[in-house]
Structure formats: structure tokens, C-alpha cells
Amino acid sequence: MLVHSRTGRWTAWVTFAVLFVPLFALPLLVIVAASFSTNWSGAFPSGPTTGHYAAAVRGEALQALTTSLVTALVASLVALTAGTWAALAGAALGRKGKRVLDALFMLPVAVPSVVVGLAVLVAFSQPPVLLNGTRWIVILAHTVLVTAFAHQSVSAAIQRLDPMYEQAAASLGARPSYVLLRVRLPLLLPSLNAAAGLCFALSMGELSATMMLYPPDWMPLPVLVFTATDRGSLFTGSALAVVLMATTLLALLAVSRIRTKASFR
């Protein structure tokens, strides 16, 4: 913290608490409290129960959670592969080519995600590539939406790399493929892990485009949360939301541990 006086530090902490608690922490705490409640009396939920979690971890909810995990995992892997390849290619294209490539990859996040969902729906509802009504159209939309973040994260990491390592390997006779696989990618591993975690988290919470695309047999958990609250089942929806948050946080914690180990390699 760049505040050296005691009064300044206290002021900074108080300002942080005043801004953080009402805007970020309190809404999440209310959701957690609602997930253990049966009714809403006054300003806070009441009627303690764990019954909502019994429904949130089995049957349709468990299937929706599995759907979200599979969708996020596949979309993250494809996005990370495509984004890394594009970032490496952009670094070799020069400044003008890199700008064009960056603009192309940032286009899907420059427009509302519901527009991306509609574009994917229109593009893949007719032969020769007919994906409408299948799980693949949902996975494709998630991949399109998160690839930009993978590309930007890896591209920024490439710019920070010290070229000395690659030059040293090349001067010793290493082939370009060897330099890429054994020098460049290992140096990028912490950034790749961070990008994978970001893509996974974004995919797990994606709703707008998914609502336009999901078939009945491939309903991700955010859609189930929305439908539960839309039917008036606020407390069940809160329990589902807590399960979604907990699963995403556990996945991010696992990625963080991998990134930490990769940083010390």
C-alpha cells in the first residue's frame, strides 16, 4: 500500500471497507443466507434449513452442474489453444498484423454476449454445419466468448518475455519447434494457467448467449438458477447459485495452486 502515514492507512482501509462490503460482499452474503432460509421476513431471510441444498446437489441440478463443468472445461481448452496460437502468430506478424489480429479476437467481447449468441444461432442453424439443438452450439458460443481473454492474457505475457532465452537456445542449434515447446511455452506456463482459470470462470457464469442456444438436454447451471428464480423459487435458486460459486472457486483455487507451482519451476 502506497500510504506511509498511520492516518492515511486507516483512511484507506475504511474507504475500502465502505466501498467493498456494500457493493461486493453483502450481496453475496445475502445469497448465502437465503440459501439456508425458507422465507423472507423484514430485511433478511429467516427460517433456517438445509433442504434447498438437498435438491441442489442431485437430479436436474446435478446434471446442470455437470453440463456447466463439461462446457467450461471444453471451451476453456479450445479457447486457450486458439488464443495461444493466435498470440504466438501475432508476435511474429509485426505491429500492424498484431493490431489486426487483436481487433478480430476482441470483436466478440466488444458486443453484448446476446448478440454473439444470436450470431452463432443464425450461422449454425442451416447445413452444411448444423449445430442448432445440440450441445456443441453452446460449447461453441462459450468458446467464442472466452477466447479473447485467453488471447489477450497470453499476448501480454509474450511481450514481457525476455528473448535472451530463446536466442540462447537457437544459438546452441535448437530447432524452432524445440525452442517453442521446451523454452517459450514453459516460460508462458503461469500465464497459460491464469488464462485457463479466467476462461473457465467466465464460461461457468455465462447466461445471456446460453439462454438463446441451449437444447433441453444440455442446460447449464446458470440457466437453471435463472429459471428457478423466475418461477419464484428464490431460496432454491440461491442454493443453486451458492453451489455454482463454490464449484467455480474450487476450480480457480486448483488452477491457482498449479500456477504457483509453475512459477517456481
Protein backbone atom coordinates (compact mmCIF):
# COMPACT_ATOMS: atom_id res chain seq x y z
CA MET A 1 0.00 0.00 0.00
CA LEU A 2 1.49 3.32 -1.09
CA VAL A 3 0.33 5.18 2.04
CA HIS A 4 3.01 5.78 4.63
CA SER A 5 1.21 7.63 7.44
CA ARG A 6 -0.88 5.78 10.00
CA THR A 7 -3.85 8.08 9.44
CA GLY A 8 -3.61 7.57 5.70
CA ARG A 9 -3.57 3.78 6.07
CA TRP A 10 -6.62 3.85 8.34
CA THR A 11 -8.41 6.12 5.88
CA ALA A 12 -7.57 3.79 3.01
CA TRP A 13 -8.83 0.73 4.90
CA VAL A 14 -12.05 2.45 5.96
CA THR A 15 -12.67 3.64 2.40
CA PHE A 16 -12.04 0.12 1.11
CA ALA A 17 -14.44 -1.38 3.67
CA VAL A 18 -17.17 1.18 2.94
CA LEU A 19 -16.94 0.51 -0.79
CA PHE A 20 -16.24 -3.24 -0.75
CA VAL A 21 -18.75 -4.51 1.81
CA PRO A 22 -21.97 -2.95 0.42
CA LEU A 23 -21.06 -3.40 -3.24
CA PHE A 24 -19.42 -6.84 -3.30
CA ALA A 25 -19.50 -8.78 -0.03
CA LEU A 26 -23.01 -8.02 1.25
CA PRO A 27 -24.95 -9.19 -1.85
CA LEU A 28 -23.06 -12.50 -1.84
CA LEU A 29 -23.61 -12.95 1.90
CA VAL A 30 -27.34 -12.34 1.42
CA ILE A 31 -27.44 -15.03 -1.27
CA VAL A 32 -25.69 -17.48 1.07
CA ALA A 33 -28.14 -16.61 3.88
CA ALA A 34 -31.12 -17.01 1.55
CA SER A 35 -29.92 -20.47 0.53
CA PHE A 36 -30.37 -21.63 4.14
CA SER A 37 -33.79 -19.98 4.60
CA THR A 38 -37.43 -20.77 3.96
CA ASN A 39 -38.96 -17.30 4.00
CA TRP A 40 -38.12 -13.62 3.94
CA SER A 41 -39.17 -11.53 6.95
CA GLY A 42 -38.13 -7.91 7.08
CA ALA A 43 -34.75 -7.03 5.65
CA PHE A 44 -33.22 -10.50 5.97
CA PRO A 45 -34.18 -14.11 5.16
CA SER A 46 -35.26 -16.37 8.02
CA GLY A 47 -36.35 -19.93 8.79
CA PRO A 48 -33.08 -21.91 8.82
CA THR A 49 -32.99 -25.05 6.66
CA THR A 50 -30.58 -27.11 4.59
CA GLY A 51 -33.32 -28.62 2.45
CA HIS A 52 -32.57 -26.46 -0.57
CA TYR A 53 -29.12 -28.00 -0.86
CA ALA A 54 -30.61 -31.48 -0.97
CA ALA A 55 -32.26 -30.51 -4.24
CA ALA A 56 -29.24 -28.51 -5.43
CA VAL A 57 -26.84 -31.47 -5.50
CA ARG A 58 -28.94 -34.15 -7.16
CA GLY A 59 -31.27 -34.79 -10.07
CA GLU A 60 -31.70 -31.94 -12.54
CA ALA A 61 -29.38 -29.63 -10.59
CA LEU A 62 -26.53 -32.17 -10.56
CA GLN A 63 -26.97 -32.74 -14.29
CA ALA A 64 -26.91 -28.96 -14.88
CA LEU A 65 -23.73 -28.65 -12.80
CA THR A 66 -22.09 -31.44 -14.81
CA THR A 67 -23.18 -29.72 -18.03
CA SER A 68 -21.61 -26.44 -16.88
CA LEU A 69 -18.36 -28.16 -15.90
CA VAL A 70 -18.05 -30.03 -19.20
CA THR A 71 -18.94 -26.93 -21.22
CA ALA A 72 -16.48 -24.73 -19.31
CA LEU A 73 -13.70 -27.30 -19.50
CA VAL A 74 -14.00 -27.92 -23.25
CA ALA A 75 -14.50 -24.23 -24.06
CA SER A 76 -11.51 -23.25 -21.92
CA LEU A 77 -9.19 -25.81 -23.51
CA VAL A 78 -10.20 -24.85 -27.05
CA ALA A 79 -10.04 -21.14 -26.24
CA LEU A 80 -6.63 -21.50 -24.61
CA THR A 81 -5.28 -23.44 -27.60
CA ALA A 82 -6.67 -20.99 -30.17
CA GLY A 83 -5.77 -17.92 -28.14
CA THR A 84 -2.20 -19.09 -27.53
CA TRP A 85 -1.69 -19.98 -31.19
CA ALA A 86 -3.04 -16.57 -32.24
CA ALA A 87 -0.88 -14.74 -29.69
CA LEU A 88 2.25 -16.54 -30.91
CA ALA A 89 1.32 -15.83 -34.52
CA GLY A 90 0.60 -12.19 -33.72
CA ALA A 91 4.01 -11.76 -32.11
CA ALA A 92 5.60 -12.88 -35.38
CA LEU A 93 3.42 -10.74 -37.65
CA GLY A 94 4.72 -7.35 -36.60
CA ARG A 95 2.91 -4.40 -35.07
CA LYS A 96 0.33 -3.83 -37.81
CA GLY A 97 -0.57 -7.51 -38.17
CA LYS A 98 -0.81 -7.89 -34.41
CA ARG A 99 -3.24 -4.99 -34.19
CA VAL A 100 -5.49 -6.56 -36.82
CA LEU A 101 -5.39 -9.93 -35.06
CA ASP A 102 -6.10 -8.34 -31.67
CA ALA A 103 -9.10 -6.49 -33.11
CA LEU A 104 -10.52 -9.68 -34.61
CA PHE A 105 -10.25 -11.58 -31.34
CA MET A 106 -11.67 -8.72 -29.28
CA LEU A 107 -14.71 -8.32 -31.52
CA PRO A 108 -16.90 -10.90 -29.68
CA VAL A 109 -16.40 -9.12 -26.33
CA ALA A 110 -16.92 -5.68 -27.87
CA VAL A 111 -20.60 -6.50 -28.45
CA PRO A 112 -23.21 -7.85 -25.98
CA SER A 113 -23.00 -11.59 -25.47
CA VAL A 114 -26.63 -11.97 -26.52
CA VAL A 115 -25.57 -10.65 -29.96
CA VAL A 116 -22.87 -13.32 -30.11
CA GLY A 117 -25.48 -15.93 -29.19
CA LEU A 118 -27.79 -14.74 -31.94
CA ALA A 119 -24.94 -14.71 -34.46
CA VAL A 120 -23.96 -18.28 -33.59
CA LEU A 121 -27.61 -19.37 -33.74
CA VAL A 122 -28.12 -17.88 -37.20
CA ALA A 123 -24.79 -19.10 -38.54
CA PHE A 124 -25.15 -22.71 -37.44
CA SER A 125 -28.88 -23.39 -37.90
CA GLN A 126 -28.56 -24.49 -41.52
CA PRO A 127 -26.43 -27.03 -43.40
CA PRO A 128 -23.60 -27.67 -44.06
CA VAL A 129 -22.77 -27.06 -40.38
CA LEU A 130 -25.97 -27.69 -38.43
CA LEU A 131 -25.35 -27.36 -34.69
CA ASN A 132 -28.65 -25.87 -33.53
CA GLY A 133 -30.33 -28.14 -30.99
CA THR A 134 -27.08 -29.83 -29.94
CA ARG A 135 -24.68 -29.29 -27.06
CA TRP A 136 -21.96 -28.23 -29.47
CA ILE A 137 -23.61 -24.92 -30.27
CA VAL A 138 -23.47 -23.98 -26.58
CA ILE A 139 -19.82 -25.03 -26.31
CA LEU A 140 -19.01 -23.09 -29.49
CA ALA A 141 -20.65 -19.91 -28.19
CA HIS A 142 -18.78 -20.16 -24.88
CA THR A 143 -15.52 -20.72 -26.77
CA VAL A 144 -16.08 -17.64 -28.93
CA LEU A 145 -16.84 -15.52 -25.87
CA VAL A 146 -13.81 -16.53 -23.80
CA THR A 147 -11.13 -16.91 -26.47
CA ALA A 148 -10.49 -13.16 -26.49
CA PHE A 149 -9.48 -13.24 -22.82
CA ALA A 150 -7.09 -16.13 -23.39
CA HIS A 151 -5.58 -14.36 -26.38
CA GLN A 152 -5.08 -11.07 -24.54
CA SER A 153 -3.59 -12.74 -21.47
CA VAL A 154 -1.09 -14.81 -23.42
CA SER A 155 -0.28 -11.95 -25.80
CA ALA A 156 0.61 -9.69 -22.88
CA ALA A 157 2.79 -12.42 -21.38
CA ILE A 158 4.66 -12.88 -24.68
CA GLN A 159 5.50 -9.20 -24.76
CA ARG A 160 7.06 -9.49 -21.30
CA LEU A 161 9.25 -12.47 -22.21
CA ASP A 162 12.98 -11.94 -22.29
CA PRO A 163 14.11 -13.01 -25.80
CA MET A 164 17.53 -13.92 -24.39
CA TYR A 165 16.39 -17.44 -23.50
CA GLU A 166 15.10 -18.20 -26.99
CA GLN A 167 18.17 -16.66 -28.61
CA ALA A 168 20.46 -18.73 -26.40
CA ALA A 169 18.63 -21.94 -27.32
CA ALA A 170 18.69 -21.07 -31.01
CA SER A 171 22.41 -20.23 -30.89
CA LEU A 172 23.05 -23.72 -29.49
CA GLY A 173 21.38 -25.28 -32.52
CA ALA A 174 17.87 -25.84 -31.19
CA ARG A 175 15.20 -26.11 -33.85
CA PRO A 176 12.28 -23.60 -33.79
CA SER A 177 9.86 -26.32 -32.69
CA TYR A 178 12.19 -27.29 -29.82
CA VAL A 179 12.53 -23.65 -28.76
CA LEU A 180 8.75 -23.27 -28.77
CA LEU A 181 7.99 -26.47 -26.84
CA ARG A 182 10.89 -26.52 -24.41
CA VAL A 183 11.68 -22.83 -23.87
CA ARG A 184 8.86 -20.48 -24.83
CA LEU A 185 5.79 -22.42 -23.65
CA PRO A 186 7.32 -23.37 -20.26
CA LEU A 187 8.06 -19.67 -19.68
CA LEU A 188 4.45 -18.90 -20.54
CA LEU A 189 3.02 -21.64 -18.30
CA PRO A 190 1.97 -19.36 -15.38
CA SER A 191 0.15 -17.04 -17.79
CA LEU A 192 -1.45 -20.02 -19.56
CA ASN A 193 -2.77 -21.30 -16.24
CA ALA A 194 -4.13 -17.86 -15.35
CA ALA A 195 -5.82 -17.59 -18.74
CA ALA A 196 -7.34 -21.06 -18.34
CA GLY A 197 -8.76 -20.12 -14.94
CA LEU A 198 -10.25 -16.90 -16.29
CA CYS A 199 -11.83 -18.66 -19.27
CA PHE A 200 -13.24 -21.38 -17.02
CA ALA A 201 -14.78 -18.88 -14.59
CA LEU A 202 -16.32 -16.80 -17.37
CA SER A 203 -17.79 -19.87 -19.04
CA MET A 204 -19.24 -21.18 -15.78
CA GLY A 205 -21.17 -17.94 -15.27
CA GLU A 206 -22.23 -17.23 -18.86
CA LEU A 207 -26.00 -16.80 -19.25
CA SER A 208 -27.09 -14.34 -21.97
CA ALA A 209 -25.88 -16.23 -25.03
CA THR A 210 -26.63 -19.61 -23.43
CA MET A 211 -30.30 -18.71 -22.97
CA MET A 212 -30.66 -18.39 -26.74
CA LEU A 213 -28.90 -21.62 -27.61
CA TYR A 214 -29.22 -24.40 -25.05
CA PRO A 215 -31.20 -27.53 -26.00
CA PRO A 216 -33.41 -29.21 -23.36
CA ASP A 217 -30.84 -31.94 -22.70
CA TRP A 218 -27.93 -29.52 -22.22
CA MET A 219 -28.97 -26.94 -19.64
CA PRO A 220 -26.04 -25.30 -17.79
CA LEU A 221 -26.42 -24.38 -14.13
CA PRO A 222 -26.75 -20.57 -14.63
CA VAL A 223 -29.83 -21.23 -16.77
CA LEU A 224 -31.30 -23.39 -14.00
CA VAL A 225 -30.61 -20.62 -11.47
CA PHE A 226 -32.43 -18.15 -13.70
CA THR A 227 -35.42 -20.42 -14.30
CA ALA A 228 -35.74 -21.22 -10.59
CA THR A 229 -35.79 -17.57 -9.56
CA ASP A 230 -38.04 -16.68 -12.49
CA ARG A 231 -40.60 -19.20 -11.19
CA GLY A 232 -40.43 -17.57 -7.75
CA SER A 233 -38.22 -20.22 -6.11
CA LEU A 234 -35.80 -17.64 -4.75
CA PHE A 235 -34.33 -19.79 -1.99
CA THR A 236 -33.77 -22.80 -4.25
CA GLY A 237 -32.18 -20.51 -6.80
CA SER A 238 -29.93 -19.09 -4.08
CA ALA A 239 -28.75 -22.59 -3.13
CA LEU A 240 -28.02 -23.35 -6.77
CA ALA A 241 -26.10 -20.07 -7.05
CA VAL A 242 -24.01 -20.95 -3.98
CA VAL A 243 -23.20 -24.35 -5.49
CA LEU A 244 -22.15 -22.60 -8.72
CA MET A 245 -19.97 -20.12 -6.82
CA ALA A 246 -18.36 -22.81 -4.68
CA THR A 247 -17.60 -25.04 -7.66
CA THR A 248 -16.07 -22.16 -9.62
CA LEU A 249 -13.98 -21.02 -6.64
CA LEU A 250 -12.68 -24.55 -6.05
CA ALA A 251 -11.70 -24.85 -9.71
CA LEU A 252 -9.95 -21.46 -9.57
CA LEU A 253 -8.16 -22.50 -6.37
CA ALA A 254 -6.89 -25.64 -8.10
CA VAL A 255 -5.67 -23.59 -11.07
CA SER A 256 -4.02 -21.13 -8.69
CA ARG A 257 -2.09 -23.93 -7.00
CA ILE A 258 -0.93 -25.20 -10.39
CA ARG A 259 0.12 -21.67 -11.36
CA THR A 260 2.05 -21.25 -8.12
CA LYS A 261 3.96 -24.49 -8.71
CA ALA A 262 4.62 -23.49 -12.32
CA SER A 263 6.05 -20.15 -11.17
CA PHE A 264 8.72 -21.89 -9.10
CA ARG A 265 9.80 -24.33 -11.80
